[in-house]
PDB file of N, CA and C in Angstrom:
ATOM      1  N   MET A   1     -11.058  16.625   7.167  1.00  0.00           N
ATOM      2  CA  MET A   1      -9.829  15.940   6.859  1.00  0.00           C
ATOM      3  C   MET A   1      -8.683  16.673   7.553  1.00  0.00           C
ATOM      4  N   THR A   2      -7.823  15.893   8.173  1.00  0.00           N
ATOM      5  CA  THR A   2      -6.667  16.502   8.819  1.00  0.00           C
ATOM      6  C   THR A   2      -5.409  16.192   8.017  1.00  0.00           C
ATOM      7  N   PHE A   3      -4.461  17.078   8.104  1.00  0.00           N
ATOM      8  CA  PHE A   3      -3.198  16.906   7.398  1.00  0.00           C
ATOM      9  C   PHE A   3      -2.063  16.922   8.402  1.00  0.00           C
ATOM     10  N   GLU A   4      -1.034  16.167   8.102  1.00  0.00           N
ATOM     11  CA  GLU A   4       0.137  16.130   8.953  1.00  0.00           C
ATOM     12  C   GLU A   4       1.301  16.787   8.229  1.00  0.00           C
ATOM     13  N   THR A   5       2.181  17.375   8.982  1.00  0.00           N
ATOM     14  CA  THR A   5       3.414  17.909   8.432  1.00  0.00           C
ATOM     15  C   THR A   5       4.542  16.974   8.837  1.00  0.00           C
ATOM     16  N   LEU A   6       5.389  16.633   7.877  1.00  0.00           N
ATOM     17  CA  LEU A   6       6.511  15.763   8.194  1.00  0.00           C
ATOM     18  C   LEU A   6       7.508  16.492   9.088  1.00  0.00           C
ATOM     19  N   THR A   7       8.115  15.720   9.961  1.00  0.00           N
ATOM     20  CA  THR A   7       9.163  16.295  10.804  1.00  0.00           C
ATOM     21  C   THR A   7      10.451  16.391   9.993  1.00  0.00           C
ATOM     22  N   ARG A   8      11.396  17.141  10.484  1.00  0.00           N
ATOM     23  CA  ARG A   8      12.705  17.231   9.811  1.00  0.00           C
ATOM     24  C   ARG A   8      13.365  15.851   9.724  1.00  0.00           C
ATOM     25  N   THR A   9      13.200  15.066  10.757  1.00  0.00           N
ATOM     26  CA  THR A   9      13.764  13.716  10.762  1.00  0.00           C
ATOM     27  C   THR A   9      13.149  12.861   9.661  1.00  0.00           C
ATOM     28  N   GLN A  10      11.834  12.946   9.490  1.00  0.00           N
ATOM     29  CA  GLN A  10      11.160  12.186   8.436  1.00  0.00           C
ATOM     30  C   GLN A  10      11.614  12.647   7.056  1.00  0.00           C
ATOM     31  N   VAL A  11      11.733  13.944   6.854  1.00  0.00           N
ATOM     32  CA  VAL A  11      12.188  14.478   5.562  1.00  0.00           C
ATOM     33  C   VAL A  11      13.608  14.007   5.277  1.00  0.00           C
ATOM     34  N   LYS A  12      14.465  14.067   6.282  1.00  0.00           N
ATOM     35  CA  LYS A  12      15.857  13.622   6.117  1.00  0.00           C
ATOM     36  C   LYS A  12      15.890  12.140   5.745  1.00  0.00           C
ATOM     37  N   PHE A  13      15.106  11.325   6.447  1.00  0.00           N
ATOM     38  CA  PHE A  13      15.054   9.902   6.146  1.00  0.00           C
ATOM     39  C   PHE A  13      14.605   9.682   4.708  1.00  0.00           C
ATOM     40  N   TYR A  14      13.569  10.397   4.284  1.00  0.00           N
ATOM     41  CA  TYR A  14      13.071  10.251   2.920  1.00  0.00           C
ATOM     42  C   TYR A  14      14.151  10.636   1.905  1.00  0.00           C
ATOM     43  N   CYS A  15      14.818  11.731   2.133  1.00  0.00           N
ATOM     44  CA  CYS A  15      15.860  12.187   1.206  1.00  0.00           C
ATOM     45  C   CYS A  15      17.007  11.183   1.114  1.00  0.00           C
ATOM     46  N   GLU A  16      17.343  10.552   2.216  1.00  0.00           N
ATOM     47  CA  GLU A  16      18.448   9.602   2.241  1.00  0.00           C
ATOM     48  C   GLU A  16      18.072   8.226   1.711  1.00  0.00           C
ATOM     49  N   ASN A  17      16.809   7.828   1.878  1.00  0.00           N
ATOM     50  CA  ASN A  17      16.403   6.457   1.558  1.00  0.00           C
ATOM     51  C   ASN A  17      15.413   6.339   0.409  1.00  0.00           C
ATOM     52  N   GLY A  18      14.759   7.430   0.059  1.00  0.00           N
ATOM     53  CA  GLY A  18      13.819   7.399  -1.060  1.00  0.00           C
ATOM     54  C   GLY A  18      12.437   6.895  -0.717  1.00  0.00           C
ATOM     55  N   TYR A  19      12.174   6.644   0.548  1.00  0.00           N
ATOM     56  CA  TYR A  19      10.834   6.227   0.966  1.00  0.00           C
ATOM     57  C   TYR A  19      10.614   6.641   2.412  1.00  0.00           C
ATOM     58  N   LEU A  20       9.374   6.622   2.814  1.00  0.00           N
ATOM     59  CA  LEU A  20       9.027   6.907   4.202  1.00  0.00           C
ATOM     60  C   LEU A  20       7.804   6.073   4.544  1.00  0.00           C
ATOM     61  N   ALA A  21       7.951   5.169   5.500  1.00  0.00           N
ATOM     62  CA  ALA A  21       6.827   4.345   5.936  1.00  0.00           C
ATOM     63  C   ALA A  21       6.039   5.109   6.991  1.00  0.00           C
ATOM     64  N   MET A  22       4.747   5.228   6.745  1.00  0.00           N
ATOM     65  CA  MET A  22       3.878   5.917   7.702  1.00  0.00           C
ATOM     66  C   MET A  22       2.734   4.968   8.028  1.00  0.00           C
ATOM     67  N   GLU A  23       2.757   4.438   9.224  1.00  0.00           N
ATOM     68  CA  GLU A  23       1.797   3.421   9.616  1.00  0.00           C
ATOM     69  C   GLU A  23       0.451   4.030  10.006  1.00  0.00           C
ATOM     70  N   ASN A  24      -0.581   3.207   9.815  1.00  0.00           N
ATOM     71  CA  ASN A  24      -1.946   3.527  10.260  1.00  0.00           C
ATOM     72  C   ASN A  24      -2.504   4.810   9.645  1.00  0.00           C
ATOM     73  N   ARG A  25      -2.222   5.046   8.385  1.00  0.00           N
ATOM     74  CA  ARG A  25      -2.734   6.243   7.715  1.00  0.00           C
ATOM     75  C   ARG A  25      -3.935   5.927   6.817  1.00  0.00           C
ATOM     76  N   ILE A  26      -4.077   4.663   6.441  1.00  0.00           N
ATOM     77  CA  ILE A  26      -5.209   4.244   5.609  1.00  0.00           C
ATOM     78  C   ILE A  26      -6.143   3.439   6.505  1.00  0.00           C
ATOM     79  N   PRO A  27      -7.424   3.793   6.548  1.00  0.00           N
ATOM     80  CA  PRO A  27      -8.374   3.088   7.423  1.00  0.00           C
ATOM     81  C   PRO A  27      -8.421   1.587   7.125  1.00  0.00           C
ATOM     82  N   ASN A  28      -8.612   0.799   8.172  1.00  0.00           N
ATOM     83  CA  ASN A  28      -8.635  -0.656   8.034  1.00  0.00           C
ATOM     84  C   ASN A  28      -9.682  -1.143   7.039  1.00  0.00           C
ATOM     85  N   ASP A  29     -10.851  -0.504   6.995  1.00  0.00           N
ATOM     86  CA  ASP A  29     -11.878  -0.968   6.058  1.00  0.00           C
ATOM     87  C   ASP A  29     -11.444  -0.764   4.612  1.00  0.00           C
ATOM     88  N   VAL A  30     -10.694   0.282   4.343  1.00  0.00           N
ATOM     89  CA  VAL A  30     -10.176   0.516   2.989  1.00  0.00           C
ATOM     90  C   VAL A  30      -9.123  -0.540   2.660  1.00  0.00           C
ATOM     91  N   MET A  31      -8.227  -0.801   3.601  1.00  0.00           N
ATOM     92  CA  MET A  31      -7.201  -1.825   3.363  1.00  0.00           C
ATOM     93  C   MET A  31      -7.829  -3.200   3.179  1.00  0.00           C
ATOM     94  N   ASP A  32      -8.876  -3.511   3.922  1.00  0.00           N
ATOM     95  CA  ASP A  32      -9.572  -4.790   3.749  1.00  0.00           C
ATOM     96  C   ASP A  32     -10.150  -4.900   2.349  1.00  0.00           C
ATOM     97  N   ALA A  33     -10.734  -3.828   1.842  1.00  0.00           N
ATOM     98  CA  ALA A  33     -11.298  -3.833   0.494  1.00  0.00           C
ATOM     99  C   ALA A  33     -10.199  -4.011  -0.558  1.00  0.00           C
ATOM    100  N   VAL A  34      -9.071  -3.379  -0.359  1.00  0.00           N
ATOM    101  CA  VAL A  34      -7.946  -3.527  -1.292  1.00  0.00           C
ATOM    102  C   VAL A  34      -7.445  -4.971  -1.281  1.00  0.00           C
ATOM    103  N   ARG A  35      -7.281  -5.536  -0.094  1.00  0.00           N
ATOM    104  CA  ARG A  35      -6.823  -6.927   0.006  1.00  0.00           C
ATOM    105  C   ARG A  35      -7.812  -7.885  -0.658  1.00  0.00           C
ATOM    106  N   ASP A  36      -9.104  -7.656  -0.460  1.00  0.00           N
ATOM    107  CA  ASP A  36     -10.130  -8.498  -1.095  1.00  0.00           C
ATOM    108  C   ASP A  36     -10.034  -8.421  -2.610  1.00  0.00           C
ATOM    109  N   GLU A  37      -9.819  -7.229  -3.135  1.00  0.00           N
ATOM    110  CA  GLU A  37      -9.722  -7.056  -4.594  1.00  0.00           C
ATOM    111  C   GLU A  37      -8.471  -7.730  -5.140  1.00  0.00           C
ATOM    112  N   ILE A  38      -7.364  -7.628  -4.434  1.00  0.00           N
ATOM    113  CA  ILE A  38      -6.138  -8.308  -4.867  1.00  0.00           C
ATOM    114  C   ILE A  38      -6.350  -9.817  -4.858  1.00  0.00           C
ATOM    115  N   ALA A  39      -6.998 -10.333  -3.831  1.00  0.00           N
ATOM    116  CA  ALA A  39      -7.280 -11.771  -3.755  1.00  0.00           C
ATOM    117  C   ALA A  39      -8.165 -12.202  -4.923  1.00  0.00           C
ATOM    118  N   ARG A  40      -9.127 -11.373  -5.281  1.00  0.00           N
ATOM    119  CA  ARG A  40      -9.998 -11.694  -6.411  1.00  0.00           C
ATOM    120  C   ARG A  40      -9.193 -11.776  -7.699  1.00  0.00           C
ATOM    121  N   PHE A  41      -8.298 -10.823  -7.929  1.00  0.00           N
ATOM    122  CA  PHE A  41      -7.450 -10.848  -9.121  1.00  0.00           C
ATOM    123  C   PHE A  41      -6.553 -12.086  -9.125  1.00  0.00           C
ATOM    124  N   ASN A  42      -5.983 -12.426  -7.963  1.00  0.00           N
ATOM    125  CA  ASN A  42      -5.137 -13.621  -7.882  1.00  0.00           C
ATOM    126  C   ASN A  42      -5.927 -14.875  -8.212  1.00  0.00           C
ATOM    127  N   ASP A  43      -7.130 -14.992  -7.666  1.00  0.00           N
ATOM    128  CA  ASP A  43      -7.972 -16.152  -7.955  1.00  0.00           C
ATOM    129  C   ASP A  43      -8.288 -16.235  -9.443  1.00  0.00           C
ATOM    130  N   GLU A  44      -8.599 -15.104 -10.034  1.00  0.00           N
ATOM    131  CA  GLU A  44      -8.910 -15.085 -11.464  1.00  0.00           C
ATOM    132  C   GLU A  44      -7.681 -15.458 -12.294  1.00  0.00           C
ATOM    133  N   ALA A  45      -6.526 -14.967 -11.920  1.00  0.00           N
ATOM    134  CA  ALA A  45      -5.302 -15.257 -12.654  1.00  0.00           C
ATOM    135  C   ALA A  45      -4.968 -16.749 -12.585  1.00  0.00           C
ATOM    136  N   ARG A  46      -5.232 -17.377 -11.461  1.00  0.00           N
ATOM    137  CA  ARG A  46      -4.960 -18.811 -11.312  1.00  0.00           C
ATOM    138  C   ARG A  46      -5.840 -19.655 -12.226  1.00  0.00           C
ATOM    139  N   SER A  47      -6.953 -19.115 -12.647  1.00  0.00           N
ATOM    140  CA  SER A  47      -7.873 -19.881 -13.488  1.00  0.00           C
ATOM    141  C   SER A  47      -7.470 -19.861 -14.958  1.00  0.00           C
ATOM    142  N   PHE A  48      -6.502 -19.027 -15.333  1.00  0.00           N
ATOM    143  CA  PHE A  48      -6.057 -18.987 -16.722  1.00  0.00           C
ATOM    144  C   PHE A  48      -5.184 -20.186 -17.058  1.00  0.00           C
ATOM    145  N   GLU A  49      -5.338 -20.649 -18.280  1.00  0.00           N
ATOM    146  CA  GLU A  49      -4.517 -21.759 -18.752  1.00  0.00           C
ATOM    147  C   GLU A  49      -3.192 -21.215 -19.262  1.00  0.00           C
ATOM    148  N   VAL A  50      -2.106 -21.876 -18.864  1.00  0.00           N
ATOM    149  CA  VAL A  50      -0.777 -21.470 -19.322  1.00  0.00           C
ATOM    150  C   VAL A  50      -0.506 -22.182 -20.640  1.00  0.00           C
ATOM    151  N   ILE A  51      -0.177 -21.408 -21.657  1.00  0.00           N
ATOM    152  CA  ILE A  51       0.141 -21.967 -22.985  1.00  0.00           C
ATOM    153  C   ILE A  51       1.652 -21.947 -23.143  1.00  0.00           C
ATOM    154  N   LYS A  52       2.189 -23.103 -23.437  1.00  0.00           N
ATOM    155  CA  LYS A  52       3.654 -23.218 -23.608  1.00  0.00           C
ATOM    156  C   LYS A  52       4.013 -23.415 -25.043  1.00  0.00           C
TER     157      LYS A  52
END
């Protein structure tokens, strides 16, 4: 496993904005599995009857 150190610019951005977007850090196969699971939850939620 490799680790990255944030640059001063990244730290400054985080301190000023409260977030830092770091692209391509999670492998595509993991993201695909997460998306599939979210889709499954959405499909299941749509099947519930709304009671008013």
